[in-house]
Amino acid sequence: MLVQKGLRSLTTTKLAPIHPGEVLMEDFIECFGITQHKLAVAIDVPPRRINEIVHGKRGITADTAMRLSRYFGTTPGFWMNLQMRYDLDRAEDTLGGCAE
């Protein structure tokens, strides 16, 4: 094996999973220039639900995914996939990537 001095090795640092609420806040609420409260009223959910989602304290359910998709012009699958990826990343972290 040939090793060259002075080269940095690449590391595979695992990044923390991104909660779908972070995507909702940064890529939708802020970009659309609306408030959490305005979104909640527009999609007919309690404002607390949106607040808990954007703060990572609550996941996106199928019901919320449907409402968000109608408002933002996305698909329910977009929101559900964000949630699923987040949940799977967290499970992998917990299990250490060795599910059998």
PDB file of N, CA and C in Angstrom:
ATOM      1  N   MET A   1       0.849  -1.172   0.000  1.00  0.00           N
ATOM      2  CA  MET A   1       0.000   0.000   0.000  1.00  0.00           C
ATOM      3  C   MET A   1       0.897   1.237   0.000  1.00  0.00           C
ATOM      4  N   LEU A   2       0.638   2.124  -0.889  1.00  0.00           N
ATOM      5  CA  LEU A   2       1.414   3.345  -1.018  1.00  0.00           C
ATOM      6  C   LEU A   2       0.724   4.468  -0.266  1.00  0.00           C
ATOM      7  N   VAL A   3       1.454   5.093   0.646  1.00  0.00           N
ATOM      8  CA  VAL A   3       0.906   6.199   1.427  1.00  0.00           C
ATOM      9  C   VAL A   3       1.745   7.427   1.144  1.00  0.00           C
ATOM     10  N   GLN A   4       1.090   8.499   0.766  1.00  0.00           N
ATOM     11  CA  GLN A   4       1.802   9.739   0.498  1.00  0.00           C
ATOM     12  C   GLN A   4       1.674  10.661   1.704  1.00  0.00           C
ATOM     13  N   LYS A   5       2.787  11.262   2.061  1.00  0.00           N
ATOM     14  CA  LYS A   5       2.765  12.196   3.178  1.00  0.00           C
ATOM     15  C   LYS A   5       2.142  13.509   2.728  1.00  0.00           C
ATOM     16  N   GLY A   6       1.490  14.170   3.678  1.00  0.00           N
ATOM     17  CA  GLY A   6       0.934  15.483   3.397  1.00  0.00           C
ATOM     18  C   GLY A   6      -0.488  15.469   2.863  1.00  0.00           C
ATOM     19  N   LEU A   7      -1.026  14.322   2.534  1.00  0.00           N
ATOM     20  CA  LEU A   7      -2.404  14.254   2.054  1.00  0.00           C
ATOM     21  C   LEU A   7      -3.339  14.043   3.234  1.00  0.00           C
ATOM     22  N   ARG A   8      -4.406  14.760   3.219  1.00  0.00           N
ATOM     23  CA  ARG A   8      -5.410  14.573   4.266  1.00  0.00           C
ATOM     24  C   ARG A   8      -6.296  13.401   3.908  1.00  0.00           C
ATOM     25  N   SER A   9      -6.649  12.646   4.902  1.00  0.00           N
ATOM     26  CA  SER A   9      -7.576  11.549   4.644  1.00  0.00           C
ATOM     27  C   SER A   9      -8.997  12.078   4.718  1.00  0.00           C
ATOM     28  N   LEU A  10      -9.838  11.510   3.920  1.00  0.00           N
ATOM     29  CA  LEU A  10     -11.238  11.885   3.938  1.00  0.00           C
ATOM     30  C   LEU A  10     -11.922  11.124   5.057  1.00  0.00           C
ATOM     31  N   THR A  11     -12.722  11.814   5.818  1.00  0.00           N
ATOM     32  CA  THR A  11     -13.460  11.153   6.881  1.00  0.00           C
ATOM     33  C   THR A  11     -14.927  11.112   6.507  1.00  0.00           C
ATOM     34  N   THR A  12     -15.596  10.171   7.061  1.00  0.00           N
ATOM     35  CA  THR A  12     -17.027  10.060   6.821  1.00  0.00           C
ATOM     36  C   THR A  12     -17.755  10.423   8.105  1.00  0.00           C
ATOM     37  N   THR A  13     -17.854  11.703   8.349  1.00  0.00           N
ATOM     38  CA  THR A  13     -18.546  12.190   9.525  1.00  0.00           C
ATOM     39  C   THR A  13     -20.031  12.183   9.246  1.00  0.00           C
ATOM     40  N   LYS A  14     -20.776  11.510  10.098  1.00  0.00           N
ATOM     41  CA  LYS A  14     -22.229  11.434   9.936  1.00  0.00           C
ATOM     42  C   LYS A  14     -22.854  12.733  10.409  1.00  0.00           C
ATOM     43  N   LEU A  15     -23.629  13.339   9.546  1.00  0.00           N
ATOM     44  CA  LEU A  15     -24.339  14.560   9.900  1.00  0.00           C
ATOM     45  C   LEU A  15     -25.625  14.196  10.623  1.00  0.00           C
ATOM     46  N   ALA A  16     -26.055  15.091  11.473  1.00  0.00           N
ATOM     47  CA  ALA A  16     -27.319  14.870  12.181  1.00  0.00           C
ATOM     48  C   ALA A  16     -28.457  14.868  11.176  1.00  0.00           C
ATOM     49  N   PRO A  17     -29.448  14.009  11.385  1.00  0.00           N
ATOM     50  CA  PRO A  17     -30.599  13.992  10.476  1.00  0.00           C
ATOM     51  C   PRO A  17     -31.296  15.354  10.465  1.00  0.00           C
ATOM     52  N   ILE A  18     -31.813  15.721   9.315  1.00  0.00           N
ATOM     53  CA  ILE A  18     -32.527  16.989   9.193  1.00  0.00           C
ATOM     54  C   ILE A  18     -34.017  16.739   9.408  1.00  0.00           C
ATOM     55  N   HIS A  19     -34.555  17.394  10.410  1.00  0.00           N
ATOM     56  CA  HIS A  19     -35.980  17.243  10.708  1.00  0.00           C
ATOM     57  C   HIS A  19     -36.790  17.941   9.610  1.00  0.00           C
ATOM     58  N   PRO A  20     -37.895  17.347   9.197  1.00  0.00           N
ATOM     59  CA  PRO A  20     -38.711  17.973   8.154  1.00  0.00           C
ATOM     60  C   PRO A  20     -39.194  19.372   8.541  1.00  0.00           C
ATOM     61  N   GLY A  21     -39.274  19.652   9.821  1.00  0.00           N
ATOM     62  CA  GLY A  21     -39.670  20.984  10.260  1.00  0.00           C
ATOM     63  C   GLY A  21     -38.655  22.040   9.871  1.00  0.00           C
ATOM     64  N   GLU A  22     -37.386  21.650   9.828  1.00  0.00           N
ATOM     65  CA  GLU A  22     -36.342  22.584   9.398  1.00  0.00           C
ATOM     66  C   GLU A  22     -36.540  22.930   7.920  1.00  0.00           C
ATOM     67  N   VAL A  23     -36.874  21.940   7.122  1.00  0.00           N
ATOM     68  CA  VAL A  23     -37.146  22.172   5.700  1.00  0.00           C
ATOM     69  C   VAL A  23     -38.385  23.048   5.558  1.00  0.00           C
ATOM     70  N   LEU A  24     -39.415  22.738   6.316  1.00  0.00           N
ATOM     71  CA  LEU A  24     -40.643  23.532   6.269  1.00  0.00           C
ATOM     72  C   LEU A  24     -40.345  24.997   6.579  1.00  0.00           C
ATOM     73  N   MET A  25     -39.571  25.236   7.624  1.00  0.00           N
ATOM     74  CA  MET A  25     -39.296  26.613   8.032  1.00  0.00           C
ATOM     75  C   MET A  25     -38.398  27.333   7.030  1.00  0.00           C
ATOM     76  N   GLU A  26     -37.268  26.732   6.712  1.00  0.00           N
ATOM     77  CA  GLU A  26     -36.266  27.423   5.897  1.00  0.00           C
ATOM     78  C   GLU A  26     -36.621  27.496   4.411  1.00  0.00           C
ATOM     79  N   ASP A  27     -37.176  26.425   3.883  1.00  0.00           N
ATOM     80  CA  ASP A  27     -37.423  26.374   2.445  1.00  0.00           C
ATOM     81  C   ASP A  27     -38.837  26.772   2.029  1.00  0.00           C
ATOM     82  N   PHE A  28     -39.737  26.844   2.980  1.00  0.00           N
ATOM     83  CA  PHE A  28     -41.111  27.176   2.621  1.00  0.00           C
ATOM     84  C   PHE A  28     -41.633  28.397   3.368  1.00  0.00           C
ATOM     85  N   ILE A  29     -41.719  28.344   4.678  1.00  0.00           N
ATOM     86  CA  ILE A  29     -42.287  29.466   5.422  1.00  0.00           C
ATOM     87  C   ILE A  29     -41.479  30.739   5.178  1.00  0.00           C
ATOM     88  N   GLU A  30     -40.158  30.665   5.367  1.00  0.00           N
ATOM     89  CA  GLU A  30     -39.329  31.851   5.164  1.00  0.00           C
ATOM     90  C   GLU A  30     -39.303  32.290   3.704  1.00  0.00           C
ATOM     91  N   CYS A  31     -39.188  31.338   2.788  1.00  0.00           N
ATOM     92  CA  CYS A  31     -39.127  31.684   1.359  1.00  0.00           C
ATOM     93  C   CYS A  31     -40.433  32.275   0.846  1.00  0.00           C
ATOM     94  N   PHE A  32     -41.543  31.830   1.388  1.00  0.00           N
ATOM     95  CA  PHE A  32     -42.843  32.362   0.972  1.00  0.00           C
ATOM     96  C   PHE A  32     -43.171  33.662   1.709  1.00  0.00           C
ATOM     97  N   GLY A  33     -42.346  34.000   2.698  1.00  0.00           N
ATOM     98  CA  GLY A  33     -42.564  35.237   3.438  1.00  0.00           C
ATOM     99  C   GLY A  33     -43.828  35.232   4.285  1.00  0.00           C
ATOM    100  N   ILE A  34     -44.135  34.071   4.851  1.00  0.00           N
ATOM    101  CA  ILE A  34     -45.327  33.973   5.694  1.00  0.00           C
ATOM    102  C   ILE A  34     -44.894  33.645   7.124  1.00  0.00           C
ATOM    103  N   THR A  35     -45.837  33.709   8.020  1.00  0.00           N
ATOM    104  CA  THR A  35     -45.560  33.338   9.406  1.00  0.00           C
ATOM    105  C   THR A  35     -46.096  31.932   9.674  1.00  0.00           C
ATOM    106  N   GLN A  36     -45.624  31.350  10.750  1.00  0.00           N
ATOM    107  CA  GLN A  36     -46.151  30.057  11.153  1.00  0.00           C
ATOM    108  C   GLN A  36     -47.656  30.157  11.398  1.00  0.00           C
ATOM    109  N   HIS A  37     -48.067  31.235  12.030  1.00  0.00           N
ATOM    110  CA  HIS A  37     -49.488  31.425  12.334  1.00  0.00           C
ATOM    111  C   HIS A  37     -50.324  31.531  11.063  1.00  0.00           C
ATOM    112  N   LYS A  38     -49.834  32.303  10.095  1.00  0.00           N
ATOM    113  CA  LYS A  38     -50.572  32.442   8.831  1.00  0.00           C
ATOM    114  C   LYS A  38     -50.705  31.086   8.137  1.00  0.00           C
ATOM    115  N   LEU A  39     -49.644  30.299   8.144  1.00  0.00           N
ATOM    116  CA  LEU A  39     -49.704  28.966   7.538  1.00  0.00           C
ATOM    117  C   LEU A  39     -50.726  28.108   8.260  1.00  0.00           C
ATOM    118  N   ALA A  40     -50.679  28.115   9.580  1.00  0.00           N
ATOM    119  CA  ALA A  40     -51.615  27.295  10.367  1.00  0.00           C
ATOM    120  C   ALA A  40     -53.061  27.648  10.050  1.00  0.00           C
ATOM    121  N   VAL A  41     -53.351  28.936   9.997  1.00  0.00           N
ATOM    122  CA  VAL A  41     -54.717  29.381   9.690  1.00  0.00           C
ATOM    123  C   VAL A  41     -55.095  28.954   8.270  1.00  0.00           C
ATOM    124  N   ALA A  42     -54.175  29.115   7.327  1.00  0.00           N
ATOM    125  CA  ALA A  42     -54.466  28.793   5.921  1.00  0.00           C
ATOM    126  C   ALA A  42     -54.740  27.311   5.704  1.00  0.00           C
ATOM    127  N   ILE A  43     -54.053  26.448   6.471  1.00  0.00           N
ATOM    128  CA  ILE A  43     -54.263  25.006   6.266  1.00  0.00           C
ATOM    129  C   ILE A  43     -55.178  24.402   7.330  1.00  0.00           C
ATOM    130  N   ASP A  44     -55.739  25.272   8.165  1.00  0.00           N
ATOM    131  CA  ASP A  44     -56.751  24.876   9.157  1.00  0.00           C
ATOM    132  C   ASP A  44     -56.221  23.858  10.173  1.00  0.00           C
ATOM    133  N   VAL A  45     -55.068  24.196  10.763  1.00  0.00           N
ATOM    134  CA  VAL A  45     -54.525  23.397  11.863  1.00  0.00           C
ATOM    135  C   VAL A  45     -54.197  24.341  13.015  1.00  0.00           C
ATOM    136  N   PRO A  46     -54.101  23.826  14.225  1.00  0.00           N
ATOM    137  CA  PRO A  46     -53.718  24.688  15.345  1.00  0.00           C
ATOM    138  C   PRO A  46     -52.299  25.246  15.134  1.00  0.00           C
ATOM    139  N   PRO A  47     -52.085  26.514  15.428  1.00  0.00           N
ATOM    140  CA  PRO A  47     -50.751  27.100  15.275  1.00  0.00           C
ATOM    141  C   PRO A  47     -49.670  26.330  16.038  1.00  0.00           C
ATOM    142  N   ARG A  48     -50.046  25.748  17.149  1.00  0.00           N
ATOM    143  CA  ARG A  48     -49.085  24.967  17.934  1.00  0.00           C
ATOM    144  C   ARG A  48     -48.517  23.798  17.119  1.00  0.00           C
ATOM    145  N   ARG A  49     -49.329  23.199  16.274  1.00  0.00           N
ATOM    146  CA  ARG A  49     -48.857  22.072  15.458  1.00  0.00           C
ATOM    147  C   ARG A  49     -47.701  22.507  14.560  1.00  0.00           C
ATOM    148  N   ILE A  50     -47.871  23.631  13.875  1.00  0.00           N
ATOM    149  CA  ILE A  50     -46.805  24.122  12.994  1.00  0.00           C
ATOM    150  C   ILE A  50     -45.575  24.479  13.816  1.00  0.00           C
ATOM    151  N   ASN A  51     -45.767  25.140  14.940  1.00  0.00           N
ATOM    152  CA  ASN A  51     -44.655  25.531  15.795  1.00  0.00           C
ATOM    153  C   ASN A  51     -43.881  24.315  16.278  1.00  0.00           C
ATOM    154  N   GLU A  52     -44.573  23.279  16.691  1.00  0.00           N
ATOM    155  CA  GLU A  52     -43.900  22.069  17.170  1.00  0.00           C
ATOM    156  C   GLU A  52     -43.168  21.360  16.038  1.00  0.00           C
ATOM    157  N   ILE A  53     -43.723  21.384  14.851  1.00  0.00           N
ATOM    158  CA  ILE A  53     -43.049  20.768  13.701  1.00  0.00           C
ATOM    159  C   ILE A  53     -41.767  21.524  13.381  1.00  0.00           C
ATOM    160  N   VAL A  54     -41.833  22.847  13.274  1.00  0.00           N
ATOM    161  CA  VAL A  54     -40.631  23.594  12.884  1.00  0.00           C
ATOM    162  C   VAL A  54     -39.550  23.561  13.962  1.00  0.00           C
ATOM    163  N   HIS A  55     -39.932  23.275  15.198  1.00  0.00           N
ATOM    164  CA  HIS A  55     -38.942  23.156  16.266  1.00  0.00           C
ATOM    165  C   HIS A  55     -38.511  21.708  16.513  1.00  0.00           C
ATOM    166  N   GLY A  56     -38.931  20.800  15.644  1.00  0.00           N
ATOM    167  CA  GLY A  56     -38.495  19.405  15.731  1.00  0.00           C
ATOM    168  C   GLY A  56     -39.104  18.629  16.873  1.00  0.00           C
ATOM    169  N   LYS A  57     -40.194  19.115  17.426  1.00  0.00           N
ATOM    170  CA  LYS A  57     -40.839  18.440  18.556  1.00  0.00           C
ATOM    171  C   LYS A  57     -41.992  17.539  18.115  1.00  0.00           C
ATOM    172  N   ARG A  58     -42.318  17.606  16.845  1.00  0.00           N
ATOM    173  CA  ARG A  58     -43.448  16.840  16.318  1.00  0.00           C
ATOM    174  C   ARG A  58     -43.134  16.464  14.882  1.00  0.00           C
ATOM    175  N   GLY A  59     -43.604  15.302  14.482  1.00  0.00           N
ATOM    176  CA  GLY A  59     -43.400  14.856  13.117  1.00  0.00           C
ATOM    177  C   GLY A  59     -44.534  15.315  12.211  1.00  0.00           C
ATOM    178  N   ILE A  60     -44.340  15.082  10.930  1.00  0.00           N
ATOM    179  CA  ILE A  60     -45.372  15.410   9.947  1.00  0.00           C
ATOM    180  C   ILE A  60     -46.209  14.155   9.704  1.00  0.00           C
ATOM    181  N   THR A  61     -47.488  14.267  10.000  1.00  0.00           N
ATOM    182  CA  THR A  61     -48.414  13.160   9.784  1.00  0.00           C
ATOM    183  C   THR A  61     -48.949  13.202   8.356  1.00  0.00           C
ATOM    184  N   ALA A  62     -49.654  12.151   7.972  1.00  0.00           N
ATOM    185  CA  ALA A  62     -50.260  12.114   6.640  1.00  0.00           C
ATOM    186  C   ALA A  62     -51.251  13.269   6.476  1.00  0.00           C
ATOM    187  N   ASP A  63     -52.012  13.563   7.516  1.00  0.00           N
ATOM    188  CA  ASP A  63     -52.971  14.668   7.460  1.00  0.00           C
ATOM    189  C   ASP A  63     -52.257  15.995   7.207  1.00  0.00           C
ATOM    190  N   THR A  64     -51.197  16.248   7.964  1.00  0.00           N
ATOM    191  CA  THR A  64     -50.449  17.496   7.786  1.00  0.00           C
ATOM    192  C   THR A  64     -49.775  17.536   6.423  1.00  0.00           C
ATOM    193  N   ALA A  65     -49.268  16.403   5.966  1.00  0.00           N
ATOM    194  CA  ALA A  65     -48.632  16.333   4.646  1.00  0.00           C
ATOM    195  C   ALA A  65     -49.618  16.716   3.547  1.00  0.00           C
ATOM    196  N   MET A  66     -50.850  16.236   3.664  1.00  0.00           N
ATOM    197  CA  MET A  66     -51.878  16.588   2.670  1.00  0.00           C
ATOM    198  C   MET A  66     -52.146  18.093   2.676  1.00  0.00           C
ATOM    199  N   ARG A  67     -52.258  18.654   3.851  1.00  0.00           N
ATOM    200  CA  ARG A  67     -52.556  20.078   3.968  1.00  0.00           C
ATOM    201  C   ARG A  67     -51.398  20.936   3.447  1.00  0.00           C
ATOM    202  N   LEU A  68     -50.173  20.566   3.817  1.00  0.00           N
ATOM    203  CA  LEU A  68     -49.000  21.311   3.349  1.00  0.00           C
ATOM    204  C   LEU A  68     -48.862  21.226   1.834  1.00  0.00           C
ATOM    205  N   SER A  69     -49.106  20.041   1.288  1.00  0.00           N
ATOM    206  CA  SER A  69     -48.962  19.865  -0.159  1.00  0.00           C
ATOM    207  C   SER A  69     -49.963  20.714  -0.924  1.00  0.00           C
ATOM    208  N   ARG A  70     -51.178  20.811  -0.416  1.00  0.00           N
ATOM    209  CA  ARG A  70     -52.188  21.648  -1.079  1.00  0.00           C
ATOM    210  C   ARG A  70     -51.803  23.118  -1.027  1.00  0.00           C
ATOM    211  N   TYR A  71     -51.258  23.542   0.085  1.00  0.00           N
ATOM    212  CA  TYR A  71     -50.905  24.955   0.239  1.00  0.00           C
ATOM    213  C   TYR A  71     -49.677  25.333  -0.585  1.00  0.00           C
ATOM    214  N   PHE A  72     -48.639  24.501  -0.529  1.00  0.00           N
ATOM    215  CA  PHE A  72     -47.376  24.846  -1.176  1.00  0.00           C
ATOM    216  C   PHE A  72     -47.233  24.305  -2.592  1.00  0.00           C
ATOM    217  N   GLY A  73     -48.191  23.513  -3.051  1.00  0.00           N
ATOM    218  CA  GLY A  73     -48.122  22.983  -4.410  1.00  0.00           C
ATOM    219  C   GLY A  73     -47.120  21.853  -4.556  1.00  0.00           C
ATOM    220  N   THR A  74     -46.905  21.125  -3.478  1.00  0.00           N
ATOM    221  CA  THR A  74     -46.030  19.953  -3.526  1.00  0.00           C
ATOM    222  C   THR A  74     -46.918  18.711  -3.515  1.00  0.00           C
ATOM    223  N   THR A  75     -46.312  17.574  -3.287  1.00  0.00           N
ATOM    224  CA  THR A  75     -47.096  16.352  -3.139  1.00  0.00           C
ATOM    225  C   THR A  75     -47.068  15.926  -1.678  1.00  0.00           C
ATOM    226  N   PRO A  76     -48.088  15.189  -1.231  1.00  0.00           N
ATOM    227  CA  PRO A  76     -48.032  14.660   0.130  1.00  0.00           C
ATOM    228  C   PRO A  76     -46.801  13.765   0.322  1.00  0.00           C
ATOM    229  N   GLY A  77     -46.430  13.058  -0.744  1.00  0.00           N
ATOM    230  CA  GLY A  77     -45.265  12.178  -0.678  1.00  0.00           C
ATOM    231  C   GLY A  77     -43.976  12.918  -0.373  1.00  0.00           C
ATOM    232  N   PHE A  78     -43.865  14.151  -0.844  1.00  0.00           N
ATOM    233  CA  PHE A  78     -42.684  14.956  -0.547  1.00  0.00           C
ATOM    234  C   PHE A  78     -42.498  15.083   0.961  1.00  0.00           C
ATOM    235  N   TRP A  79     -43.571  15.457   1.660  1.00  0.00           N
ATOM    236  CA  TRP A  79     -43.509  15.652   3.107  1.00  0.00           C
ATOM    237  C   TRP A  79     -43.350  14.334   3.844  1.00  0.00           C
ATOM    238  N   MET A  80     -44.041  13.312   3.382  1.00  0.00           N
ATOM    239  CA  MET A  80     -43.942  12.004   4.037  1.00  0.00           C
ATOM    240  C   MET A  80     -42.544  11.413   3.850  1.00  0.00           C
ATOM    241  N   ASN A  81     -41.941  11.631   2.676  1.00  0.00           N
ATOM    242  CA  ASN A  81     -40.580  11.136   2.447  1.00  0.00           C
ATOM    243  C   ASN A  81     -39.566  11.845   3.340  1.00  0.00           C
ATOM    244  N   LEU A  82     -39.741  13.152   3.532  1.00  0.00           N
ATOM    245  CA  LEU A  82     -38.858  13.867   4.465  1.00  0.00           C
ATOM    246  C   LEU A  82     -38.956  13.259   5.858  1.00  0.00           C
ATOM    247  N   GLN A  83     -40.193  12.996   6.290  1.00  0.00           N
ATOM    248  CA  GLN A  83     -40.398  12.433   7.620  1.00  0.00           C
ATOM    249  C   GLN A  83     -39.825  11.023   7.709  1.00  0.00           C
ATOM    250  N   MET A  84     -40.058  10.221   6.676  1.00  0.00           N
ATOM    251  CA  MET A  84     -39.563   8.850   6.672  1.00  0.00           C
ATOM    252  C   MET A  84     -38.038   8.814   6.722  1.00  0.00           C
ATOM    253  N   ARG A  85     -37.377   9.661   5.918  1.00  0.00           N
ATOM    254  CA  ARG A  85     -35.905   9.708   5.913  1.00  0.00           C
ATOM    255  C   ARG A  85     -35.377  10.096   7.291  1.00  0.00           C
ATOM    256  N   TYR A  86     -36.033  11.079   7.906  1.00  0.00           N
ATOM    257  CA  TYR A  86     -35.633  11.517   9.236  1.00  0.00           C
ATOM    258  C   TYR A  86     -35.786  10.370  10.241  1.00  0.00           C
ATOM    259  N   ASP A  87     -36.926   9.712  10.203  1.00  0.00           N
ATOM    260  CA  ASP A  87     -37.178   8.599  11.128  1.00  0.00           C
ATOM    261  C   ASP A  87     -36.190   7.462  10.913  1.00  0.00           C
ATOM    262  N   LEU A  88     -35.903   7.137   9.659  1.00  0.00           N
ATOM    263  CA  LEU A  88     -34.946   6.062   9.365  1.00  0.00           C
ATOM    264  C   LEU A  88     -33.526   6.426   9.803  1.00  0.00           C
ATOM    265  N   ASP A  89     -33.135   7.676   9.571  1.00  0.00           N
ATOM    266  CA  ASP A  89     -31.806   8.117  10.018  1.00  0.00           C
ATOM    267  C   ASP A  89     -31.683   8.028  11.532  1.00  0.00           C
ATOM    268  N   ARG A  90     -32.726   8.425  12.237  1.00  0.00           N
ATOM    269  CA  ARG A  90     -32.701   8.344  13.706  1.00  0.00           C
ATOM    270  C   ARG A  90     -32.647   6.900  14.168  1.00  0.00           C
ATOM    271  N   ALA A  91     -33.417   6.026  13.513  1.00  0.00           N
ATOM    272  CA  ALA A  91     -33.402   4.617  13.880  1.00  0.00           C
ATOM    273  C   ALA A  91     -32.031   4.004  13.622  1.00  0.00           C
ATOM    274  N   GLU A  92     -31.413   4.369  12.511  1.00  0.00           N
ATOM    275  CA  GLU A  92     -30.078   3.865  12.188  1.00  0.00           C
ATOM    276  C   GLU A  92     -29.066   4.318  13.230  1.00  0.00           C
ATOM    277  N   ASP A  93     -29.189   5.567  13.657  1.00  0.00           N
ATOM    278  CA  ASP A  93     -28.299   6.069  14.705  1.00  0.00           C
ATOM    279  C   ASP A  93     -28.479   5.282  15.997  1.00  0.00           C
ATOM    280  N   THR A  94     -29.722   4.972  16.319  1.00  0.00           N
ATOM    281  CA  THR A  94     -30.023   4.237  17.550  1.00  0.00           C
ATOM    282  C   THR A  94     -29.530   2.797  17.478  1.00  0.00           C
ATOM    283  N   LEU A  95     -29.748   2.162  16.330  1.00  0.00           N
ATOM    284  CA  LEU A  95     -29.371   0.757  16.173  1.00  0.00           C
ATOM    285  C   LEU A  95     -27.922   0.575  15.743  1.00  0.00           C
ATOM    286  N   GLY A  96     -27.273   1.658  15.410  1.00  0.00           N
ATOM    287  CA  GLY A  96     -25.884   1.558  14.976  1.00  0.00           C
ATOM    288  C   GLY A  96     -25.730   1.007  13.579  1.00  0.00           C
ATOM    289  N   GLY A  97     -26.766   1.079  12.781  1.00  0.00           N
ATOM    290  CA  GLY A  97     -26.678   0.636  11.392  1.00  0.00           C
ATOM    291  C   GLY A  97     -26.618  -0.870  11.228  1.00  0.00           C
ATOM    292  N   CYS A  98     -27.043  -1.626  12.242  1.00  0.00           N
ATOM    293  CA  CYS A  98     -26.935  -3.085  12.141  1.00  0.00           C
ATOM    294  C   CYS A  98     -28.272  -3.759  12.396  1.00  0.00           C
ATOM    295  N   ALA A  99     -29.264  -3.401  11.620  1.00  0.00           N
ATOM    296  CA  ALA A  99     -30.572  -4.042  11.753  1.00  0.00           C
ATOM    297  C   ALA A  99     -30.532  -5.415  11.101  1.00  0.00           C
ATOM    298  N   GLU A 100     -30.965  -6.411  11.831  1.00  0.00           N
ATOM    299  CA  GLU A 100     -30.971  -7.777  11.288  1.00  0.00           C
ATOM    300  C   GLU A 100     -32.326  -8.394  11.406  1.00  0.00           C
TER     301      GLU A 100
END
